[in-house]
Amino acid sequence: MAAVHQLTEPEINQELTRLSGWTIAAGKLHKSFQFPSFVEAFGFMARVALLAEAMNHHPEWSNVYNRVVIDLVTHDAGGISRKDFVLAAKIDAVS
């Protein structure tokens, strides 16, 4: 597998234009999702878990009732990589 590399700030800003609602917070790709109920939030987390496992790239996240907060960073790269943006787009597709 090819090594992943940390993106530069201009590369990150370019990638952000392709996503909706994602920001950079504390050096991580960040987004908060809100759902009508806890069950729907948990179902979303289950879908994301399957995507993340298939990519072997796991989010940092939290869930309180109907809200899910996700942070993405590639520890092996020492920061945000293209892999984070690929997973973010997949997460948006199942939200």
N, C-alpha and C. Protein backbone atom coordinates (compact mmCIF):
# COMPACT_ATOMS: atom_id res chain seq x y z
N MET A 1 0.84 -1.18 0.00
CA MET A 1 0.00 0.00 0.00
C MET A 1 0.89 1.24 0.00
N ALA A 2 0.51 2.21 -0.78
CA ALA A 2 1.28 3.45 -0.87
C ALA A 2 1.15 4.24 0.43
N ALA A 3 2.21 4.91 0.79
CA ALA A 3 2.20 5.74 1.99
C ALA A 3 1.28 6.94 1.78
N VAL A 4 0.60 7.33 2.84
CA VAL A 4 -0.25 8.51 2.77
C VAL A 4 0.56 9.71 3.28
N HIS A 5 0.28 10.86 2.71
CA HIS A 5 1.02 12.07 3.06
C HIS A 5 0.08 13.15 3.55
N GLN A 6 0.56 13.91 4.49
CA GLN A 6 -0.20 15.05 4.99
C GLN A 6 -0.36 16.08 3.88
N LEU A 7 -1.57 16.58 3.73
CA LEU A 7 -1.84 17.61 2.72
C LEU A 7 -1.36 18.97 3.21
N THR A 8 -1.01 19.81 2.26
CA THR A 8 -0.65 21.19 2.59
C THR A 8 -1.92 22.00 2.83
N GLU A 9 -1.78 23.16 3.41
CA GLU A 9 -2.95 24.01 3.65
C GLU A 9 -3.69 24.36 2.36
N PRO A 10 -2.99 24.74 1.27
CA PRO A 10 -3.72 24.99 0.01
C PRO A 10 -4.45 23.74 -0.50
N GLU A 11 -3.84 22.58 -0.36
CA GLU A 11 -4.51 21.34 -0.80
C GLU A 11 -5.75 21.07 0.04
N ILE A 12 -5.64 21.28 1.35
CA ILE A 12 -6.79 21.10 2.24
C ILE A 12 -7.91 22.06 1.86
N ASN A 13 -7.57 23.32 1.64
CA ASN A 13 -8.59 24.31 1.26
C ASN A 13 -9.26 23.95 -0.06
N GLN A 14 -8.51 23.43 -1.00
CA GLN A 14 -9.08 23.00 -2.28
C GLN A 14 -10.04 21.83 -2.07
N GLU A 15 -9.62 20.86 -1.27
CA GLU A 15 -10.47 19.69 -1.00
C GLU A 15 -11.75 20.09 -0.27
N LEU A 16 -11.66 21.06 0.63
CA LEU A 16 -12.84 21.51 1.38
C LEU A 16 -13.92 22.06 0.47
N THR A 17 -13.54 22.62 -0.68
CA THR A 17 -14.53 23.17 -1.60
C THR A 17 -15.42 22.08 -2.19
N ARG A 18 -14.98 20.84 -2.12
CA ARG A 18 -15.75 19.72 -2.68
C ARG A 18 -16.72 19.11 -1.67
N LEU A 19 -16.65 19.56 -0.42
CA LEU A 19 -17.49 19.00 0.64
C LEU A 19 -18.42 20.08 1.19
N SER A 20 -19.52 19.65 1.78
CA SER A 20 -20.47 20.58 2.36
C SER A 20 -20.47 20.43 3.89
N GLY A 21 -20.22 21.53 4.58
CA GLY A 21 -20.34 21.53 6.03
C GLY A 21 -19.13 21.06 6.81
N TRP A 22 -18.10 20.61 6.12
CA TRP A 22 -16.88 20.17 6.80
C TRP A 22 -15.98 21.37 7.02
N THR A 23 -15.33 21.42 8.17
CA THR A 23 -14.39 22.48 8.51
C THR A 23 -13.11 21.86 9.05
N ILE A 24 -12.14 22.69 9.33
CA ILE A 24 -10.93 22.24 10.01
C ILE A 24 -11.03 22.74 11.45
N ALA A 25 -10.89 21.82 12.40
CA ALA A 25 -10.91 22.17 13.82
C ALA A 25 -9.83 21.37 14.52
N ALA A 26 -8.95 22.06 15.19
CA ALA A 26 -7.85 21.42 15.94
C ALA A 26 -7.03 20.49 15.04
N GLY A 27 -6.83 20.92 13.79
CA GLY A 27 -6.00 20.15 12.87
C GLY A 27 -6.66 18.90 12.31
N LYS A 28 -7.99 18.83 12.43
CA LYS A 28 -8.73 17.67 11.94
C LYS A 28 -9.89 18.12 11.06
N LEU A 29 -10.30 17.26 10.16
CA LEU A 29 -11.49 17.49 9.35
C LEU A 29 -12.69 17.23 10.26
N HIS A 30 -13.62 18.18 10.35
CA HIS A 30 -14.65 18.16 11.39
C HIS A 30 -16.03 18.44 10.81
N LYS A 31 -17.02 17.68 11.31
CA LYS A 31 -18.41 17.96 10.95
C LYS A 31 -19.33 17.41 12.03
N SER A 32 -20.42 18.14 12.25
CA SER A 32 -21.45 17.72 13.18
C SER A 32 -22.72 17.39 12.40
N PHE A 33 -23.32 16.26 12.72
CA PHE A 33 -24.55 15.81 12.06
C PHE A 33 -25.66 15.76 13.10
N GLN A 34 -26.88 16.14 12.70
CA GLN A 34 -28.03 16.04 13.59
C GLN A 34 -29.13 15.27 12.88
N PHE A 35 -29.77 14.37 13.62
CA PHE A 35 -30.80 13.49 13.08
C PHE A 35 -32.09 13.66 13.89
N PRO A 36 -33.21 13.19 13.35
CA PRO A 36 -34.48 13.33 14.06
C PRO A 36 -34.55 12.54 15.38
N SER A 37 -33.75 11.48 15.50
CA SER A 37 -33.83 10.64 16.69
C SER A 37 -32.49 9.95 16.97
N PHE A 38 -32.38 9.38 18.15
CA PHE A 38 -31.20 8.61 18.51
C PHE A 38 -31.05 7.40 17.59
N VAL A 39 -32.15 6.74 17.28
CA VAL A 39 -32.09 5.54 16.43
C VAL A 39 -31.52 5.89 15.06
N GLU A 40 -31.93 7.01 14.49
CA GLU A 40 -31.39 7.41 13.19
C GLU A 40 -29.92 7.80 13.29
N ALA A 41 -29.53 8.45 14.37
CA ALA A 41 -28.12 8.80 14.57
C ALA A 41 -27.28 7.53 14.69
N PHE A 42 -27.79 6.56 15.44
CA PHE A 42 -27.05 5.31 15.63
C PHE A 42 -26.97 4.52 14.33
N GLY A 43 -28.04 4.53 13.55
CA GLY A 43 -28.02 3.87 12.24
C GLY A 43 -26.97 4.48 11.33
N PHE A 44 -26.87 5.81 11.36
CA PHE A 44 -25.84 6.51 10.60
C PHE A 44 -24.46 6.06 11.04
N MET A 45 -24.24 5.97 12.34
CA MET A 45 -22.94 5.54 12.85
C MET A 45 -22.62 4.12 12.40
N ALA A 46 -23.62 3.26 12.35
CA ALA A 46 -23.39 1.89 11.88
C ALA A 46 -22.96 1.89 10.41
N ARG A 47 -23.62 2.71 9.59
CA ARG A 47 -23.25 2.79 8.17
C ARG A 47 -21.82 3.32 8.01
N VAL A 48 -21.49 4.35 8.78
CA VAL A 48 -20.14 4.92 8.72
C VAL A 48 -19.11 3.90 9.19
N ALA A 49 -19.44 3.14 10.22
CA ALA A 49 -18.50 2.14 10.74
C ALA A 49 -18.14 1.12 9.66
N LEU A 50 -19.11 0.71 8.86
CA LEU A 50 -18.84 -0.25 7.78
C LEU A 50 -17.94 0.37 6.71
N LEU A 51 -18.21 1.62 6.36
CA LEU A 51 -17.36 2.31 5.38
C LEU A 51 -15.93 2.46 5.91
N ALA A 52 -15.82 2.89 7.15
CA ALA A 52 -14.51 3.12 7.76
C ALA A 52 -13.71 1.82 7.85
N GLU A 53 -14.37 0.76 8.23
CA GLU A 53 -13.69 -0.53 8.34
C GLU A 53 -13.21 -1.01 6.98
N ALA A 54 -14.03 -0.82 5.96
CA ALA A 54 -13.64 -1.22 4.60
C ALA A 54 -12.41 -0.45 4.13
N MET A 55 -12.26 0.80 4.58
CA MET A 55 -11.11 1.63 4.21
C MET A 55 -9.94 1.47 5.18
N ASN A 56 -10.19 0.77 6.30
CA ASN A 56 -9.22 0.70 7.39
C ASN A 56 -8.79 2.11 7.82
N HIS A 57 -9.79 2.96 7.95
CA HIS A 57 -9.56 4.36 8.33
C HIS A 57 -10.71 4.78 9.23
N HIS A 58 -10.43 4.94 10.51
CA HIS A 58 -11.49 5.06 11.49
C HIS A 58 -11.62 6.47 12.05
N PRO A 59 -12.85 6.97 12.14
CA PRO A 59 -13.07 8.33 12.63
C PRO A 59 -12.91 8.43 14.15
N GLU A 60 -12.65 9.63 14.59
CA GLU A 60 -12.82 9.97 16.00
C GLU A 60 -14.22 10.58 16.05
N TRP A 61 -15.08 10.05 16.91
CA TRP A 61 -16.44 10.55 16.90
C TRP A 61 -17.08 10.45 18.27
N SER A 62 -18.19 11.18 18.40
CA SER A 62 -18.99 11.10 19.62
C SER A 62 -20.45 11.19 19.23
N ASN A 63 -21.28 10.66 20.11
CA ASN A 63 -22.72 10.66 19.88
C ASN A 63 -23.42 11.05 21.18
N VAL A 64 -24.27 12.06 21.10
CA VAL A 64 -25.15 12.41 22.20
C VAL A 64 -26.54 12.52 21.61
N TYR A 65 -27.40 11.60 22.01
CA TYR A 65 -28.77 11.47 21.53
C TYR A 65 -28.84 11.50 20.01
N ASN A 66 -29.28 12.62 19.42
CA ASN A 66 -29.48 12.65 17.96
C ASN A 66 -28.35 13.35 17.22
N ARG A 67 -27.25 13.61 17.91
CA ARG A 67 -26.13 14.36 17.32
C ARG A 67 -24.89 13.47 17.25
N VAL A 68 -24.22 13.50 16.10
CA VAL A 68 -22.97 12.77 15.90
C VAL A 68 -21.92 13.78 15.44
N VAL A 69 -20.81 13.83 16.13
CA VAL A 69 -19.70 14.72 15.78
C VAL A 69 -18.55 13.84 15.30
N ILE A 70 -18.02 14.17 14.13
CA ILE A 70 -16.95 13.36 13.53
C ILE A 70 -15.73 14.23 13.27
N ASP A 71 -14.57 13.68 13.65
CA ASP A 71 -13.27 14.28 13.32
C ASP A 71 -12.47 13.24 12.56
N LEU A 72 -11.84 13.67 11.47
CA LEU A 72 -11.01 12.79 10.66
C LEU A 72 -9.60 13.33 10.58
N VAL A 73 -8.64 12.46 10.79
CA VAL A 73 -7.22 12.80 10.66
C VAL A 73 -6.49 11.49 10.39
N THR A 74 -5.42 11.57 9.63
CA THR A 74 -4.63 10.38 9.32
C THR A 74 -3.38 10.41 10.19
N HIS A 75 -3.40 9.63 11.26
CA HIS A 75 -2.30 9.64 12.21
C HIS A 75 -0.98 9.25 11.55
N ASP A 76 -1.03 8.27 10.64
CA ASP A 76 0.19 7.83 9.95
C ASP A 76 0.82 8.95 9.12
N ALA A 77 0.00 9.89 8.68
CA ALA A 77 0.50 11.01 7.86
C ALA A 77 0.87 12.21 8.73
N GLY A 78 0.48 12.17 9.98
CA GLY A 78 0.76 13.30 10.86
C GLY A 78 -0.17 14.47 10.67
N GLY A 79 -1.32 14.23 10.06
CA GLY A 79 -2.29 15.30 9.82
C GLY A 79 -3.35 14.85 8.84
N ILE A 80 -4.00 15.80 8.23
CA ILE A 80 -5.08 15.51 7.28
C ILE A 80 -4.48 15.04 5.96
N SER A 81 -5.03 13.95 5.44
CA SER A 81 -4.58 13.40 4.15
C SER A 81 -5.78 13.29 3.21
N ARG A 82 -5.50 12.95 1.98
CA ARG A 82 -6.57 12.75 1.00
C ARG A 82 -7.53 11.66 1.47
N LYS A 83 -7.01 10.68 2.20
CA LYS A 83 -7.84 9.59 2.72
C LYS A 83 -8.97 10.14 3.60
N ASP A 84 -8.70 11.19 4.35
CA ASP A 84 -9.74 11.80 5.18
C ASP A 84 -10.86 12.39 4.33
N PHE A 85 -10.48 13.01 3.23
CA PHE A 85 -11.49 13.61 2.35
C PHE A 85 -12.30 12.54 1.62
N VAL A 86 -11.67 11.43 1.27
CA VAL A 86 -12.40 10.33 0.64
C VAL A 86 -13.44 9.79 1.61
N LEU A 87 -13.03 9.56 2.86
CA LEU A 87 -13.98 9.06 3.85
C LEU A 87 -15.07 10.09 4.14
N ALA A 88 -14.72 11.36 4.21
CA ALA A 88 -15.73 12.41 4.45
C ALA A 88 -16.80 12.40 3.37
N ALA A 89 -16.40 12.27 2.12
CA ALA A 89 -17.37 12.23 1.02
C ALA A 89 -18.27 11.01 1.14
N LYS A 90 -17.70 9.88 1.53
CA LYS A 90 -18.50 8.66 1.71
C LYS A 90 -19.47 8.83 2.88
N ILE A 91 -19.01 9.48 3.94
CA ILE A 91 -19.87 9.74 5.09
C ILE A 91 -21.04 10.62 4.68
N ASP A 92 -20.77 11.67 3.93
CA ASP A 92 -21.84 12.55 3.45
C ASP A 92 -22.86 11.77 2.62
N ALA A 93 -22.38 10.82 1.84
CA ALA A 93 -23.27 10.05 0.97
C ALA A 93 -24.24 9.16 1.75
N VAL A 94 -23.89 8.79 2.98
CA VAL A 94 -24.78 7.92 3.76
C VAL A 94 -25.48 8.68 4.89
N SER A 95 -25.32 10.01 4.92
CA SER A 95 -25.94 10.78 6.01
C SER A 95 -27.39 11.12 5.70
